[in-house]
Amino acid sequence: MTNYPIVVEVSLRSGIADPEGATIERALPALGFAGVANVRAGKAFRLSIEASSEAEALTQGQALADRLLSNPVIEQSTVRIENV
């Protein structure tokens, strides 16, 4: 068994309103960041999963994301092995 560093990224699905992203986008010009558009907020989780292969670690990470870390009705998640 090996410990695999996993990153789970969770974001709102396309078409779901993102008030946090909209607030950030409106504030950017006042901070000197012109030309930034389509800001979407999300969250990232970093963890280690003990598994016999990368594929098994990714499968476990996706199950964890779907059951605990995200709301699959309004959010989507991606799971990847973190490059260390």
PDB file of N, CA and C in Angstrom:
ATOM      1  N   MET A   1       0.844  -1.185   0.000  1.00  0.00           N
ATOM      2  CA  MET A   1       0.000   0.000   0.000  1.00  0.00           C
ATOM      3  C   MET A   1       0.890   1.250   0.000  1.00  0.00           C
ATOM      4  N   THR A   2       0.418   2.252  -0.706  1.00  0.00           N
ATOM      5  CA  THR A   2       1.149   3.512  -0.837  1.00  0.00           C
ATOM      6  C   THR A   2       0.199   4.657  -0.499  1.00  0.00           C
ATOM      7  N   ASN A   3       0.748   5.718   0.077  1.00  0.00           N
ATOM      8  CA  ASN A   3      -0.030   6.928   0.312  1.00  0.00           C
ATOM      9  C   ASN A   3       0.055   7.810  -0.925  1.00  0.00           C
ATOM     10  N   TYR A   4      -1.106   8.162  -1.466  1.00  0.00           N
ATOM     11  CA  TYR A   4      -1.175   9.016  -2.651  1.00  0.00           C
ATOM     12  C   TYR A   4      -1.698  10.383  -2.252  1.00  0.00           C
ATOM     13  N   PRO A   5      -0.967  11.455  -2.598  1.00  0.00           N
ATOM     14  CA  PRO A   5      -1.475  12.805  -2.318  1.00  0.00           C
ATOM     15  C   PRO A   5      -2.564  13.153  -3.337  1.00  0.00           C
ATOM     16  N   ILE A   6      -3.743  13.436  -2.843  1.00  0.00           N
ATOM     17  CA  ILE A   6      -4.920  13.686  -3.676  1.00  0.00           C
ATOM     18  C   ILE A   6      -5.368  15.131  -3.511  1.00  0.00           C
ATOM     19  N   VAL A   7      -5.814  15.736  -4.605  1.00  0.00           N
ATOM     20  CA  VAL A   7      -6.454  17.047  -4.574  1.00  0.00           C
ATOM     21  C   VAL A   7      -7.869  16.871  -5.112  1.00  0.00           C
ATOM     22  N   VAL A   8      -8.839  17.331  -4.330  1.00  0.00           N
ATOM     23  CA  VAL A   8     -10.238  17.337  -4.758  1.00  0.00           C
ATOM     24  C   VAL A   8     -10.633  18.794  -4.939  1.00  0.00           C
ATOM     25  N   GLU A   9     -11.035  19.165  -6.146  1.00  0.00           N
ATOM     26  CA  GLU A   9     -11.495  20.526  -6.421  1.00  0.00           C
ATOM     27  C   GLU A   9     -12.997  20.491  -6.638  1.00  0.00           C
ATOM     28  N   VAL A  10     -13.697  21.364  -5.925  1.00  0.00           N
ATOM     29  CA  VAL A  10     -15.154  21.420  -5.978  1.00  0.00           C
ATOM     30  C   VAL A  10     -15.570  22.804  -6.452  1.00  0.00           C
ATOM     31  N   SER A  11     -16.457  22.858  -7.440  1.00  0.00           N
ATOM     32  CA  SER A  11     -16.967  24.139  -7.932  1.00  0.00           C
ATOM     33  C   SER A  11     -18.438  23.986  -8.295  1.00  0.00           C
ATOM     34  N   LEU A  12     -19.114  25.122  -8.380  1.00  0.00           N
ATOM     35  CA  LEU A  12     -20.522  25.090  -8.761  1.00  0.00           C
ATOM     36  C   LEU A  12     -20.662  24.664 -10.221  1.00  0.00           C
ATOM     37  N   ARG A  13     -21.709  23.937 -10.494  1.00  0.00           N
ATOM     38  CA  ARG A  13     -21.977  23.510 -11.875  1.00  0.00           C
ATOM     39  C   ARG A  13     -22.286  24.733 -12.740  1.00  0.00           C
ATOM     40  N   SER A  14     -22.042  24.595 -14.026  1.00  0.00           N
ATOM     41  CA  SER A  14     -22.366  25.639 -14.981  1.00  0.00           C
ATOM     42  C   SER A  14     -23.863  25.942 -14.893  1.00  0.00           C
ATOM     43  N   GLY A  15     -24.213  27.213 -14.899  1.00  0.00           N
ATOM     44  CA  GLY A  15     -25.612  27.613 -14.820  1.00  0.00           C
ATOM     45  C   GLY A  15     -26.107  27.874 -13.407  1.00  0.00           C
ATOM     46  N   ILE A  16     -25.315  27.488 -12.396  1.00  0.00           N
ATOM     47  CA  ILE A  16     -25.674  27.763 -11.000  1.00  0.00           C
ATOM     48  C   ILE A  16     -25.068  29.112 -10.624  1.00  0.00           C
ATOM     49  N   ALA A  17     -25.889  29.988 -10.053  1.00  0.00           N
ATOM     50  CA  ALA A  17     -25.411  31.321  -9.663  1.00  0.00           C
ATOM     51  C   ALA A  17     -24.261  31.199  -8.663  1.00  0.00           C
ATOM     52  N   ASP A  18     -23.263  32.040  -8.846  1.00  0.00           N
ATOM     53  CA  ASP A  18     -22.083  32.046  -7.981  1.00  0.00           C
ATOM     54  C   ASP A  18     -21.909  33.450  -7.392  1.00  0.00           C
ATOM     55  N   PRO A  19     -22.640  33.767  -6.314  1.00  0.00           N
ATOM     56  CA  PRO A  19     -22.552  35.115  -5.760  1.00  0.00           C
ATOM     57  C   PRO A  19     -21.160  35.470  -5.245  1.00  0.00           C
ATOM     58  N   GLU A  20     -20.430  34.511  -4.725  1.00  0.00           N
ATOM     59  CA  GLU A  20     -19.073  34.803  -4.245  1.00  0.00           C
ATOM     60  C   GLU A  20     -18.165  35.182  -5.414  1.00  0.00           C
ATOM     61  N   GLY A  21     -18.234  34.432  -6.493  1.00  0.00           N
ATOM     62  CA  GLY A  21     -17.447  34.758  -7.685  1.00  0.00           C
ATOM     63  C   GLY A  21     -17.828  36.108  -8.259  1.00  0.00           C
ATOM     64  N   ALA A  22     -19.140  36.418  -8.282  1.00  0.00           N
ATOM     65  CA  ALA A  22     -19.608  37.702  -8.810  1.00  0.00           C
ATOM     66  C   ALA A  22     -19.100  38.864  -7.960  1.00  0.00           C
ATOM     67  N   THR A  23     -19.095  38.692  -6.640  1.00  0.00           N
ATOM     68  CA  THR A  23     -18.604  39.740  -5.747  1.00  0.00           C
ATOM     69  C   THR A  23     -17.114  39.991  -5.975  1.00  0.00           C
ATOM     70  N   ILE A  24     -16.353  38.920  -6.110  1.00  0.00           N
ATOM     71  CA  ILE A  24     -14.919  39.050  -6.378  1.00  0.00           C
ATOM     72  C   ILE A  24     -14.696  39.759  -7.709  1.00  0.00           C
ATOM     73  N   GLU A  25     -15.446  39.355  -8.733  1.00  0.00           N
ATOM     74  CA  GLU A  25     -15.294  39.954 -10.058  1.00  0.00           C
ATOM     75  C   GLU A  25     -15.590  41.454 -10.036  1.00  0.00           C
ATOM     76  N   ARG A  26     -16.626  41.865  -9.291  1.00  0.00           N
ATOM     77  CA  ARG A  26     -16.962  43.292  -9.211  1.00  0.00           C
ATOM     78  C   ARG A  26     -15.882  44.089  -8.472  1.00  0.00           C
ATOM     79  N   ALA A  27     -15.185  43.456  -7.536  1.00  0.00           N
ATOM     80  CA  ALA A  27     -14.173  44.159  -6.741  1.00  0.00           C
ATOM     81  C   ALA A  27     -12.838  44.300  -7.477  1.00  0.00           C
ATOM     82  N   LEU A  28     -12.574  43.477  -8.451  1.00  0.00           N
ATOM     83  CA  LEU A  28     -11.265  43.461  -9.104  1.00  0.00           C
ATOM     84  C   LEU A  28     -10.852  44.781  -9.752  1.00  0.00           C
ATOM     85  N   PRO A  29     -11.724  45.482 -10.507  1.00  0.00           N
ATOM     86  CA  PRO A  29     -11.289  46.748 -11.109  1.00  0.00           C
ATOM     87  C   PRO A  29     -10.834  47.780 -10.081  1.00  0.00           C
ATOM     88  N   ALA A  30     -11.501  47.828  -8.933  1.00  0.00           N
ATOM     89  CA  ALA A  30     -11.110  48.782  -7.895  1.00  0.00           C
ATOM     90  C   ALA A  30      -9.734  48.453  -7.321  1.00  0.00           C
ATOM     91  N   LEU A  31      -9.314  47.204  -7.470  1.00  0.00           N
ATOM     92  CA  LEU A  31      -8.007  46.783  -6.973  1.00  0.00           C
ATOM     93  C   LEU A  31      -6.937  46.827  -8.060  1.00  0.00           C
ATOM     94  N   GLY A  32      -7.302  47.325  -9.239  1.00  0.00           N
ATOM     95  CA  GLY A  32      -6.343  47.473 -10.320  1.00  0.00           C
ATOM     96  C   GLY A  32      -6.233  46.271 -11.247  1.00  0.00           C
ATOM     97  N   PHE A  33      -7.180  45.348 -11.178  1.00  0.00           N
ATOM     98  CA  PHE A  33      -7.164  44.172 -12.042  1.00  0.00           C
ATOM     99  C   PHE A  33      -8.246  44.310 -13.104  1.00  0.00           C
ATOM    100  N   ALA A  34      -7.893  44.922 -14.220  1.00  0.00           N
ATOM    101  CA  ALA A  34      -8.842  45.125 -15.308  1.00  0.00           C
ATOM    102  C   ALA A  34      -8.814  43.912 -16.244  1.00  0.00           C
ATOM    103  N   GLY A  35      -9.926  43.687 -16.912  1.00  0.00           N
ATOM    104  CA  GLY A  35      -9.984  42.645 -17.928  1.00  0.00           C
ATOM    105  C   GLY A  35     -10.160  41.238 -17.400  1.00  0.00           C
ATOM    106  N   VAL A  36     -10.492  41.088 -16.139  1.00  0.00           N
ATOM    107  CA  VAL A  36     -10.732  39.755 -15.572  1.00  0.00           C
ATOM    108  C   VAL A  36     -12.229  39.491 -15.619  1.00  0.00           C
ATOM    109  N   ALA A  37     -12.624  38.340 -16.152  1.00  0.00           N
ATOM    110  CA  ALA A  37     -14.050  38.023 -16.288  1.00  0.00           C
ATOM    111  C   ALA A  37     -14.289  36.551 -15.945  1.00  0.00           C
ATOM    112  N   ASN A  38     -15.549  36.225 -15.799  1.00  0.00           N
ATOM    113  CA  ASN A  38     -15.985  34.845 -15.560  1.00  0.00           C
ATOM    114  C   ASN A  38     -15.365  34.232 -14.309  1.00  0.00           C
ATOM    115  N   VAL A  39     -15.323  34.992 -13.228  1.00  0.00           N
ATOM    116  CA  VAL A  39     -14.759  34.514 -11.969  1.00  0.00           C
ATOM    117  C   VAL A  39     -15.736  33.534 -11.330  1.00  0.00           C
ATOM    118  N   ARG A  40     -15.242  32.369 -10.975  1.00  0.00           N
ATOM    119  CA  ARG A  40     -16.030  31.354 -10.285  1.00  0.00           C
ATOM    120  C   ARG A  40     -15.256  30.948  -9.036  1.00  0.00           C
ATOM    121  N   ALA A  41     -15.928  30.923  -7.899  1.00  0.00           N
ATOM    122  CA  ALA A  41     -15.295  30.514  -6.652  1.00  0.00           C
ATOM    123  C   ALA A  41     -15.470  29.015  -6.466  1.00  0.00           C
ATOM    124  N   GLY A  42     -14.583  28.430  -5.720  1.00  0.00           N
ATOM    125  CA  GLY A  42     -14.660  27.002  -5.431  1.00  0.00           C
ATOM    126  C   GLY A  42     -13.847  26.696  -4.195  1.00  0.00           C
ATOM    127  N   LYS A  43     -13.620  25.422  -3.976  1.00  0.00           N
ATOM    128  CA  LYS A  43     -12.819  25.016  -2.829  1.00  0.00           C
ATOM    129  C   LYS A  43     -11.963  23.830  -3.233  1.00  0.00           C
ATOM    130  N   ALA A  44     -10.839  23.682  -2.551  1.00  0.00           N
ATOM    131  CA  ALA A  44      -9.928  22.577  -2.823  1.00  0.00           C
ATOM    132  C   ALA A  44      -9.607  21.874  -1.510  1.00  0.00           C
ATOM    133  N   PHE A  45      -9.542  20.563  -1.578  1.00  0.00           N
ATOM    134  CA  PHE A  45      -9.179  19.736  -0.433  1.00  0.00           C
ATOM    135  C   PHE A  45      -7.942  18.936  -0.811  1.00  0.00           C
ATOM    136  N   ARG A  46      -6.962  18.903   0.090  1.00  0.00           N
ATOM    137  CA  ARG A  46      -5.758  18.108  -0.120  1.00  0.00           C
ATOM    138  C   ARG A  46      -5.696  17.049   0.975  1.00  0.00           C
ATOM    139  N   LEU A  47      -5.483  15.813   0.558  1.00  0.00           N
ATOM    140  CA  LEU A  47      -5.455  14.713   1.509  1.00  0.00           C
ATOM    141  C   LEU A  47      -4.606  13.583   0.968  1.00  0.00           C
ATOM    142  N   SER A  48      -4.287  12.613   1.814  1.00  0.00           N
ATOM    143  CA  SER A  48      -3.560  11.415   1.397  1.00  0.00           C
ATOM    144  C   SER A  48      -4.487  10.230   1.520  1.00  0.00           C
ATOM    145  N   ILE A  49      -4.448   9.369   0.514  1.00  0.00           N
ATOM    146  CA  ILE A  49      -5.252   8.151   0.531  1.00  0.00           C
ATOM    147  C   ILE A  49      -4.311   6.965   0.382  1.00  0.00           C
ATOM    148  N   GLU A  50      -4.423   6.033   1.298  1.00  0.00           N
ATOM    149  CA  GLU A  50      -3.631   4.812   1.216  1.00  0.00           C
ATOM    150  C   GLU A  50      -4.360   3.833   0.309  1.00  0.00           C
ATOM    151  N   ALA A  51      -3.675   3.411  -0.737  1.00  0.00           N
ATOM    152  CA  ALA A  51      -4.288   2.516  -1.722  1.00  0.00           C
ATOM    153  C   ALA A  51      -3.200   1.695  -2.395  1.00  0.00           C
ATOM    154  N   SER A  52      -3.630   0.662  -3.116  1.00  0.00           N
ATOM    155  CA  SER A  52      -2.669  -0.211  -3.794  1.00  0.00           C
ATOM    156  C   SER A  52      -2.265   0.323  -5.168  1.00  0.00           C
ATOM    157  N   SER A  53      -3.011   1.300  -5.702  1.00  0.00           N
ATOM    158  CA  SER A  53      -2.670   1.879  -7.007  1.00  0.00           C
ATOM    159  C   SER A  53      -3.222   3.292  -7.110  1.00  0.00           C
ATOM    160  N   GLU A  54      -2.707   4.036  -8.082  1.00  0.00           N
ATOM    161  CA  GLU A  54      -3.233   5.383  -8.325  1.00  0.00           C
ATOM    162  C   GLU A  54      -4.707   5.332  -8.683  1.00  0.00           C
ATOM    163  N   ALA A  55      -5.091   4.369  -9.511  1.00  0.00           N
ATOM    164  CA  ALA A  55      -6.491   4.250  -9.932  1.00  0.00           C
ATOM    165  C   ALA A  55      -7.410   4.027  -8.739  1.00  0.00           C
ATOM    166  N   GLU A  56      -6.985   3.176  -7.806  1.00  0.00           N
ATOM    167  CA  GLU A  56      -7.798   2.929  -6.609  1.00  0.00           C
ATOM    168  C   GLU A  56      -7.889   4.182  -5.743  1.00  0.00           C
ATOM    169  N   ALA A  57      -6.777   4.908  -5.613  1.00  0.00           N
ATOM    170  CA  ALA A  57      -6.777   6.149  -4.827  1.00  0.00           C
ATOM    171  C   ALA A  57      -7.722   7.177  -5.446  1.00  0.00           C
ATOM    172  N   LEU A  58      -7.690   7.284  -6.771  1.00  0.00           N
ATOM    173  CA  LEU A  58      -8.580   8.232  -7.452  1.00  0.00           C
ATOM    174  C   LEU A  58     -10.044   7.817  -7.292  1.00  0.00           C
ATOM    175  N   THR A  59     -10.331   6.529  -7.373  1.00  0.00           N
ATOM    176  CA  THR A  59     -11.696   6.040  -7.193  1.00  0.00           C
ATOM    177  C   THR A  59     -12.191   6.350  -5.784  1.00  0.00           C
ATOM    178  N   GLN A  60     -11.347   6.105  -4.780  1.00  0.00           N
ATOM    179  CA  GLN A  60     -11.723   6.422  -3.404  1.00  0.00           C
ATOM    180  C   GLN A  60     -11.906   7.928  -3.222  1.00  0.00           C
ATOM    181  N   GLY A  61     -11.018   8.714  -3.827  1.00  0.00           N
ATOM    182  CA  GLY A  61     -11.126  10.172  -3.734  1.00  0.00           C
ATOM    183  C   GLY A  61     -12.410  10.674  -4.357  1.00  0.00           C
ATOM    184  N   GLN A  62     -12.805  10.120  -5.495  1.00  0.00           N
ATOM    185  CA  GLN A  62     -14.048  10.544  -6.146  1.00  0.00           C
ATOM    186  C   GLN A  62     -15.258  10.163  -5.305  1.00  0.00           C
ATOM    187  N   ALA A  63     -15.239   8.970  -4.708  1.00  0.00           N
ATOM    188  CA  ALA A  63     -16.339   8.559  -3.831  1.00  0.00           C
ATOM    189  C   ALA A  63     -16.438   9.490  -2.629  1.00  0.00           C
ATOM    190  N   LEU A  64     -15.304   9.851  -2.060  1.00  0.00           N
ATOM    191  CA  LEU A  64     -15.278  10.791  -0.933  1.00  0.00           C
ATOM    192  C   LEU A  64     -15.832  12.144  -1.345  1.00  0.00           C
ATOM    193  N   ALA A  65     -15.439  12.614  -2.519  1.00  0.00           N
ATOM    194  CA  ALA A  65     -15.930  13.900  -3.021  1.00  0.00           C
ATOM    195  C   ALA A  65     -17.438  13.865  -3.228  1.00  0.00           C
ATOM    196  N   ASP A  66     -17.937  12.789  -3.818  1.00  0.00           N
ATOM    197  CA  ASP A  66     -19.362  12.689  -4.117  1.00  0.00           C
ATOM    198  C   ASP A  66     -20.220  12.536  -2.866  1.00  0.00           C
ATOM    199  N   ARG A  67     -19.711  11.839  -1.864  1.00  0.00           N
ATOM    200  CA  ARG A  67     -20.520  11.548  -0.668  1.00  0.00           C
ATOM    201  C   ARG A  67     -20.382  12.571   0.442  1.00  0.00           C
ATOM    202  N   LEU A  68     -19.245  13.297   0.500  1.00  0.00           N
ATOM    203  CA  LEU A  68     -19.014  14.171   1.646  1.00  0.00           C
ATOM    204  C   LEU A  68     -18.595  15.591   1.277  1.00  0.00           C
ATOM    205  N   LEU A  69     -17.694  15.739   0.322  1.00  0.00           N
ATOM    206  CA  LEU A  69     -17.078  17.037   0.080  1.00  0.00           C
ATOM    207  C   LEU A  69     -17.851  17.942  -0.865  1.00  0.00           C
ATOM    208  N   SER A  70     -18.819  17.404  -1.580  1.00  0.00           N
ATOM    209  CA  SER A  70     -19.575  18.232  -2.521  1.00  0.00           C
ATOM    210  C   SER A  70     -21.043  17.865  -2.474  1.00  0.00           C
ATOM    211  N   ASN A  71     -21.850  18.767  -3.009  1.00  0.00           N
ATOM    212  CA  ASN A  71     -23.278  18.515  -3.194  1.00  0.00           C
ATOM    213  C   ASN A  71     -23.465  18.259  -4.685  1.00  0.00           C
ATOM    214  N   PRO A  72     -23.582  16.989  -5.099  1.00  0.00           N
ATOM    215  CA  PRO A  72     -23.614  16.683  -6.531  1.00  0.00           C
ATOM    216  C   PRO A  72     -24.778  17.310  -7.288  1.00  0.00           C
ATOM    217  N   VAL A  73     -25.780  17.801  -6.589  1.00  0.00           N
ATOM    218  CA  VAL A  73     -26.907  18.440  -7.262  1.00  0.00           C
ATOM    219  C   VAL A  73     -26.480  19.778  -7.867  1.00  0.00           C
ATOM    220  N   ILE A  74     -25.643  20.537  -7.145  1.00  0.00           N
ATOM    221  CA  ILE A  74     -25.263  21.870  -7.614  1.00  0.00           C
ATOM    222  C   ILE A  74     -23.760  22.034  -7.846  1.00  0.00           C
ATOM    223  N   GLU A  75     -22.959  21.043  -7.431  1.00  0.00           N
ATOM    224  CA  GLU A  75     -21.510  21.172  -7.549  1.00  0.00           C
ATOM    225  C   GLU A  75     -20.930  20.015  -8.362  1.00  0.00           C
ATOM    226  N   GLN A  76     -19.779  20.288  -8.941  1.00  0.00           N
ATOM    227  CA  GLN A  76     -19.025  19.244  -9.629  1.00  0.00           C
ATOM    228  C   GLN A  76     -17.668  19.135  -8.957  1.00  0.00           C
ATOM    229  N   SER A  77     -17.082  17.966  -9.022  1.00  0.00           N
ATOM    230  CA  SER A  77     -15.782  17.779  -8.396  1.00  0.00           C
ATOM    231  C   SER A  77     -14.835  17.071  -9.351  1.00  0.00           C
ATOM    232  N   THR A  78     -13.580  17.412  -9.216  1.00  0.00           N
ATOM    233  CA  THR A  78     -12.531  16.718  -9.950  1.00  0.00           C
ATOM    234  C   THR A  78     -11.514  16.234  -8.933  1.00  0.00           C
ATOM    235  N   VAL A  79     -10.962  15.073  -9.183  1.00  0.00           N
ATOM    236  CA  VAL A  79     -10.002  14.457  -8.286  1.00  0.00           C
ATOM    237  C   VAL A  79      -8.750  14.159  -9.096  1.00  0.00           C
ATOM    238  N   ARG A  80      -7.587  14.483  -8.515  1.00  0.00           N
ATOM    239  CA  ARG A  80      -6.333  14.210  -9.220  1.00  0.00           C
ATOM    240  C   ARG A  80      -5.247  13.894  -8.200  1.00  0.00           C
ATOM    241  N   ILE A  81      -4.237  13.215  -8.680  1.00  0.00           N
ATOM    242  CA  ILE A  81      -3.044  12.990  -7.876  1.00  0.00           C
ATOM    243  C   ILE A  81      -2.236  14.284  -7.898  1.00  0.00           C
ATOM    244  N   GLU A  82      -1.832  14.758  -6.743  1.00  0.00           N
ATOM    245  CA  GLU A  82      -1.079  16.006  -6.667  1.00  0.00           C
ATOM    246  C   GLU A  82       0.368  15.763  -7.073  1.00  0.00           C
ATOM    247  N   ASN A  83       0.875  16.608  -7.929  1.00  0.00           N
ATOM    248  CA  ASN A  83       2.289  16.545  -8.306  1.00  0.00           C
ATOM    249  C   ASN A  83       3.123  17.085  -7.177  1.00  0.00           C
ATOM    250  N   VAL A  84       3.971  16.255  -6.636  1.00  0.00           N
ATOM    251  CA  VAL A  84       4.774  16.655  -5.488  1.00  0.00           C
ATOM    252  C   VAL A  84       6.177  16.944  -5.916  1.00  0.00           C
TER     253      VAL A  84
END
